[in-house]
Amino acid sequence: MTLSPIRKVFQGVADRRQMFAMFDRHAQRPDRGQGNAGSLYAGEWFEIGQAAHDYMFEALPPVILAVDMFALREFLTGSITSVFFTLWIDGRARYFHGYCDLADINSGRRMREAIVERETRPVRAMTRQERLEHIWSSTHDDYRGYADGRWPAPERDKRTVTVYRGRHGTTSKLLDRLTDSEISEKLPVHLRYLPDAIAA
């Protein structure tokens, strides 16, 4: 279950309910409570609204990292914690949440640069990986999970989602093995027909 590099995990602006759900998108992981899950979380980011950003600023005394970013004092795992950004993109303030490793003094700066680079692309598009991450983020816990002992050894602990097989009912399938048509079926209509983007 290695993920890590900086990655967008939700398209659009997450509302408060979605934000809290995405704070722990990996809650069902089989090794929860064992070892450091930092590589699962470090690098994840998504957009939030100003009200959610301000709420998190006031919830606990923040750690001010820069004029445009603050971190929570409570760590998710190891040295990974929530960092909130206020970024001016195309002439307006936008707000983001990301998981940064505060043991690395440059992680917040790299996250900020990656968000600005991604959100200033001239054409609205999504990479395949962004599509898969959005599906994972927006799928209810009852319909997503991790491959258990019934799966072949090389596939165990990989993320799975429930797919509909027509008259054959539903089954679990590895997230990264979804076909283009299965991905399209699982995305909301407004995201289905966005052009493919080349990963930066």
Protein backbone atom coordinates (compact mmCIF):
# COMPACT_ATOMS: atom_id res chain seq x y z
CA MET A 1 0.00 0.00 0.00
CA THR A 2 2.64 2.56 -0.98
CA LEU A 3 1.33 5.87 -2.34
CA SER A 4 3.26 8.97 -1.30
CA PRO A 5 4.07 11.59 -4.03
CA ILE A 6 1.95 14.73 -3.91
CA ARG A 7 -1.50 13.96 -5.34
CA LYS A 8 -4.94 15.49 -5.66
CA VAL A 9 -7.52 13.14 -4.11
CA PHE A 10 -10.84 14.91 -4.76
CA GLN A 11 -12.20 17.04 -7.60
CA GLY A 12 -14.11 20.20 -6.77
CA VAL A 13 -14.51 21.91 -3.42
CA ALA A 14 -15.16 19.46 -0.58
CA ASP A 15 -17.98 20.46 1.75
CA ARG A 16 -17.55 20.07 5.51
CA ARG A 17 -18.90 16.50 5.60
CA GLN A 18 -16.66 15.44 2.71
CA MET A 19 -13.67 17.16 4.32
CA PHE A 20 -14.04 15.24 7.57
CA ALA A 21 -14.58 11.96 5.68
CA MET A 22 -11.38 12.53 3.70
CA PHE A 23 -9.30 13.33 6.75
CA ASP A 24 -8.97 9.56 7.14
CA ARG A 25 -9.64 8.00 3.75
CA HIS A 26 -7.61 4.96 4.79
CA ALA A 27 -9.48 4.18 8.02
CA GLN A 28 -10.23 0.62 6.87
CA ARG A 29 -6.65 -0.29 6.09
CA PRO A 30 -5.82 -3.76 7.40
CA ASP A 31 -2.64 -2.70 9.25
CA ARG A 32 -4.30 0.15 11.16
CA GLY A 33 -2.61 0.52 14.52
CA GLN A 34 0.57 -1.15 13.34
CA GLY A 35 3.61 0.74 12.16
CA ASN A 36 3.72 4.13 10.43
CA ALA A 37 1.12 4.76 7.73
CA GLY A 38 2.74 8.04 6.73
CA SER A 39 3.27 7.04 3.10
CA LEU A 40 -0.51 6.55 2.70
CA TYR A 41 -1.30 10.08 3.80
CA ALA A 42 1.73 12.25 3.04
CA GLY A 43 1.12 14.21 -0.15
CA GLU A 44 -2.69 13.96 -0.28
CA TRP A 45 -4.49 17.25 -0.90
CA PHE A 46 -7.92 18.58 -1.82
CA GLU A 47 -9.76 21.89 -2.00
CA ILE A 48 -12.07 23.13 0.76
CA GLY A 49 -14.21 26.22 1.24
CA GLN A 50 -13.28 29.29 3.26
CA ALA A 51 -15.73 28.45 6.06
CA ALA A 52 -14.14 25.01 6.55
CA HIS A 53 -10.65 26.54 6.45
CA ASP A 54 -11.59 29.17 9.06
CA TYR A 55 -13.28 26.56 11.26
CA MET A 56 -10.12 24.45 11.33
CA PHE A 57 -8.02 27.54 12.11
CA GLU A 58 -10.16 28.25 15.17
CA ALA A 59 -10.70 24.63 16.32
CA LEU A 60 -7.29 24.29 18.01
CA PRO A 61 -4.37 26.68 18.40
CA PRO A 62 -2.67 26.34 15.00
CA VAL A 63 1.01 26.11 14.19
CA ILE A 64 1.68 29.00 11.79
CA LEU A 65 4.07 27.81 9.09
CA ALA A 66 3.89 30.82 6.77
CA VAL A 67 1.58 33.72 5.96
CA ASP A 68 -0.57 31.44 3.79
CA MET A 69 -0.42 28.15 5.70
CA PHE A 70 -0.93 26.67 9.13
CA ALA A 71 -0.76 23.15 10.56
CA LEU A 72 -2.70 21.31 13.24
CA ARG A 73 -0.81 20.50 16.42
CA GLU A 74 -2.28 16.99 16.53
CA PHE A 75 -0.39 14.58 14.28
CA LEU A 76 -2.23 11.95 12.26
CA THR A 77 0.67 9.51 12.23
CA GLY A 78 4.36 9.96 12.92
CA SER A 79 5.29 13.49 11.81
CA ILE A 80 2.37 13.75 9.32
CA THR A 81 -0.28 16.37 10.07
CA SER A 82 -2.94 18.48 8.37
CA VAL A 83 -1.72 21.66 6.73
CA PHE A 84 -4.18 24.27 5.49
CA PHE A 85 -3.35 26.69 2.68
CA THR A 86 -4.80 29.99 1.46
CA LEU A 87 -3.56 30.40 -2.10
CA TRP A 88 -4.22 33.14 -4.65
CA ILE A 89 -4.92 31.42 -7.96
CA ASP A 90 -6.18 33.31 -11.02
CA GLY A 91 -6.85 36.40 -8.92
CA ARG A 92 -8.92 34.83 -6.15
CA ALA A 93 -8.27 33.21 -2.79
CA ARG A 94 -8.78 29.46 -2.65
CA TYR A 95 -8.38 27.11 0.29
CA PHE A 96 -6.78 23.67 0.49
CA HIS A 97 -6.00 20.89 2.93
CA GLY A 98 -2.96 18.65 2.56
CA TYR A 99 -1.02 16.14 4.61
CA CYS A 100 2.61 17.17 5.05
CA ASP A 101 5.51 15.57 6.85
CA LEU A 102 6.69 18.27 9.26
CA ALA A 103 9.96 16.38 9.80
CA ASP A 104 10.80 17.71 6.32
CA ILE A 105 11.04 21.49 6.54
CA ASN A 106 10.29 21.90 2.82
CA SER A 107 7.22 19.63 2.60
CA GLY A 108 4.73 22.51 2.96
CA ARG A 109 6.48 24.58 0.29
CA ARG A 110 6.53 21.62 -2.13
CA MET A 111 2.85 20.94 -1.47
CA ARG A 112 1.96 24.60 -2.10
CA GLU A 113 3.93 24.62 -5.37
CA ALA A 114 2.29 21.37 -6.53
CA ILE A 115 -1.21 22.68 -5.79
CA VAL A 116 -0.59 25.96 -7.62
CA GLU A 117 0.93 24.12 -10.60
CA ARG A 118 -2.03 21.71 -10.78
CA GLU A 119 -4.73 24.35 -10.32
CA THR A 120 -3.32 26.83 -12.86
CA ARG A 121 -3.39 24.44 -15.81
CA PRO A 122 -5.31 26.15 -18.63
CA VAL A 123 -7.57 23.19 -19.50
CA ARG A 124 -9.71 21.39 -16.96
CA ALA A 125 -8.65 17.77 -17.12
CA MET A 126 -7.96 14.76 -14.91
CA THR A 127 -5.30 12.10 -14.93
CA ARG A 128 -6.32 8.46 -14.58
CA GLN A 129 -4.84 8.48 -11.06
CA GLU A 130 -6.89 11.55 -10.11
CA ARG A 131 -10.02 9.78 -11.35
CA LEU A 132 -9.22 6.72 -9.23
CA GLU A 133 -8.46 8.86 -6.16
CA HIS A 134 -11.74 10.75 -6.58
CA ILE A 135 -13.62 7.45 -6.80
CA TRP A 136 -11.91 6.20 -3.64
CA SER A 137 -12.61 9.49 -1.80
CA SER A 138 -16.28 9.60 -2.75
CA THR A 139 -17.15 5.91 -2.28
CA HIS A 140 -18.88 5.01 0.99
CA ASP A 141 -16.96 2.71 3.34
CA ASP A 142 -19.52 -0.05 2.72
CA TYR A 143 -18.46 -0.18 -0.94
CA ARG A 144 -14.69 0.10 -0.64
CA GLY A 145 -12.07 -1.84 1.24
CA TYR A 146 -8.83 -3.73 0.97
CA ALA A 147 -8.04 -7.09 -0.60
CA ASP A 148 -7.95 -9.69 2.18
CA GLY A 149 -6.72 -13.27 2.48
CA ARG A 150 -9.15 -14.47 -0.22
CA TRP A 151 -7.13 -12.59 -2.85
CA PRO A 152 -3.86 -13.85 -4.39
CA ALA A 153 -0.86 -12.88 -2.24
CA PRO A 154 0.50 -10.14 -4.60
CA GLU A 155 -2.88 -8.35 -4.52
CA ARG A 156 -3.52 -8.44 -0.77
CA ASP A 157 -3.93 -5.14 1.05
CA LYS A 158 -4.54 -3.25 -2.23
CA ARG A 159 -7.61 -0.99 -2.39
CA THR A 160 -10.85 -2.46 -3.73
CA VAL A 161 -14.23 -1.03 -4.74
CA THR A 162 -17.56 -2.68 -5.43
CA VAL A 163 -18.52 -2.82 -9.11
CA TYR A 164 -21.87 -3.76 -10.65
CA ARG A 165 -21.78 -6.71 -13.06
CA GLY A 166 -25.29 -6.46 -14.45
CA ARG A 167 -27.24 -9.70 -14.04
CA HIS A 168 -24.25 -11.19 -12.20
CA GLY A 169 -24.69 -8.72 -9.33
CA THR A 170 -21.84 -6.95 -7.61
CA THR A 171 -18.25 -7.90 -6.85
CA SER A 172 -15.11 -6.31 -5.47
CA LYS A 173 -12.40 -5.25 -7.88
CA LEU A 174 -8.97 -3.73 -7.34
CA LEU A 175 -9.24 0.04 -7.65
CA ASP A 176 -6.24 0.32 -9.95
CA ARG A 177 -7.68 -2.36 -12.28
CA LEU A 178 -10.91 -0.54 -13.08
CA THR A 179 -11.54 -0.24 -16.80
CA ASP A 180 -12.19 3.13 -18.43
CA SER A 181 -15.91 2.36 -18.63
CA GLU A 182 -16.04 1.32 -14.95
CA ILE A 183 -14.25 4.53 -14.00
CA SER A 184 -16.71 6.55 -16.07
CA GLU A 185 -19.69 4.82 -14.40
CA LYS A 186 -18.35 5.63 -10.93
CA LEU A 187 -17.60 9.30 -11.58
CA PRO A 188 -20.30 11.96 -11.24
CA VAL A 189 -21.65 13.09 -14.61
CA HIS A 190 -19.83 16.45 -14.57
CA LEU A 191 -16.45 14.66 -14.32
CA ARG A 192 -17.02 11.79 -16.75
CA TYR A 193 -16.13 13.60 -19.94
CA LEU A 194 -13.19 15.71 -18.84
CA PRO A 195 -10.17 15.20 -21.08
CA ASP A 196 -7.29 13.06 -19.85
CA ALA A 197 -4.43 15.05 -18.38
CA ILE A 198 -0.82 14.00 -18.56
CA ALA A 199 0.58 13.61 -15.05
CA ALA A 200 3.11 16.33 -14.28
